[in-house]
């Protein structure tokens, strides 16, 4: 069973870029947003974007 939604679509969950506490390695608010998106079936894992990000990071090394 697959659910496909684009991050840009209005029904997809937008993860906040704020509320990052630099004193912690894990942004618990963001983790909770991701968990909620998974529960609601609104989170899409885009392997192509992950791969692009990994390749870009490798080029910066």
Protein backbone atom coordinates (compact mmCIF):
# COMPACT_ATOMS: atom_id res chain seq x y z
CA UNK A 1 0.00 0.00 0.00
CA UNK A 2 1.50 3.32 -1.04
CA UNK A 3 0.33 6.84 -0.53
CA UNK A 4 1.85 9.53 -2.69
CA UNK A 5 1.51 13.20 -1.97
CA UNK A 6 3.83 16.01 -2.84
CA UNK A 7 5.33 18.15 -0.09
CA UNK A 8 4.09 21.13 -2.06
CA UNK A 9 0.46 20.01 -2.05
CA UNK A 10 -1.96 21.63 0.36
CA UNK A 11 -2.80 18.30 1.97
CA UNK A 12 0.81 17.40 2.75
CA UNK A 13 2.19 18.19 6.17
CA UNK A 14 4.65 21.04 6.25
CA UNK A 15 7.29 20.57 8.90
CA UNK A 16 8.25 23.70 10.76
CA UNK A 17 11.75 25.03 10.38
CA UNK A 18 11.48 26.91 13.68
CA UNK A 19 11.73 25.92 17.31
CA UNK A 20 15.10 24.26 16.92
CA UNK A 21 16.92 24.09 20.23
CA UNK A 22 20.65 24.01 19.54
CA UNK A 23 21.34 22.52 22.98
CA UNK A 24 19.73 19.23 21.91
CA UNK A 25 20.64 16.91 19.08
CA UNK A 26 16.99 15.96 18.48
CA UNK A 27 14.23 18.44 17.70
CA UNK A 28 11.41 16.74 19.61
CA UNK A 29 8.77 19.09 18.17
CA UNK A 30 9.78 18.13 14.63
CA UNK A 31 9.81 14.44 15.59
CA UNK A 32 6.24 14.76 16.87
CA UNK A 33 5.18 16.52 13.64
CA UNK A 34 6.65 13.65 11.62
CA UNK A 35 4.94 11.06 13.80
CA UNK A 36 1.60 12.83 13.37
CA UNK A 37 2.08 13.04 9.59
CA UNK A 38 2.80 9.30 9.49
CA UNK A 39 -0.30 8.54 11.58
CA UNK A 40 -2.42 10.67 9.25
CA UNK A 41 -0.89 9.17 6.11
CA UNK A 42 0.38 12.56 4.97
CA UNK A 43 4.11 11.91 5.00
CA UNK A 44 5.78 10.99 1.76
CA UNK A 45 9.28 9.64 1.67
CA UNK A 46 10.84 10.95 -1.54
CA UNK A 47 13.86 8.78 -2.27
CA UNK A 48 14.89 11.03 -5.17
CA UNK A 49 15.13 14.09 -2.89
CA UNK A 50 17.03 12.09 -0.26
CA UNK A 51 19.46 10.86 -2.89
CA UNK A 52 19.94 14.36 -4.28
CA UNK A 53 20.69 15.66 -0.80
CA UNK A 54 23.20 12.90 -0.11
CA UNK A 55 24.96 13.51 -3.42
CA UNK A 56 25.08 17.27 -2.76
CA UNK A 57 26.60 16.63 0.69
CA UNK A 58 29.23 14.33 -0.79
CA UNK A 59 30.19 16.97 -3.34
CA UNK A 60 30.80 19.42 -0.47
CA UNK A 61 33.33 17.13 1.23
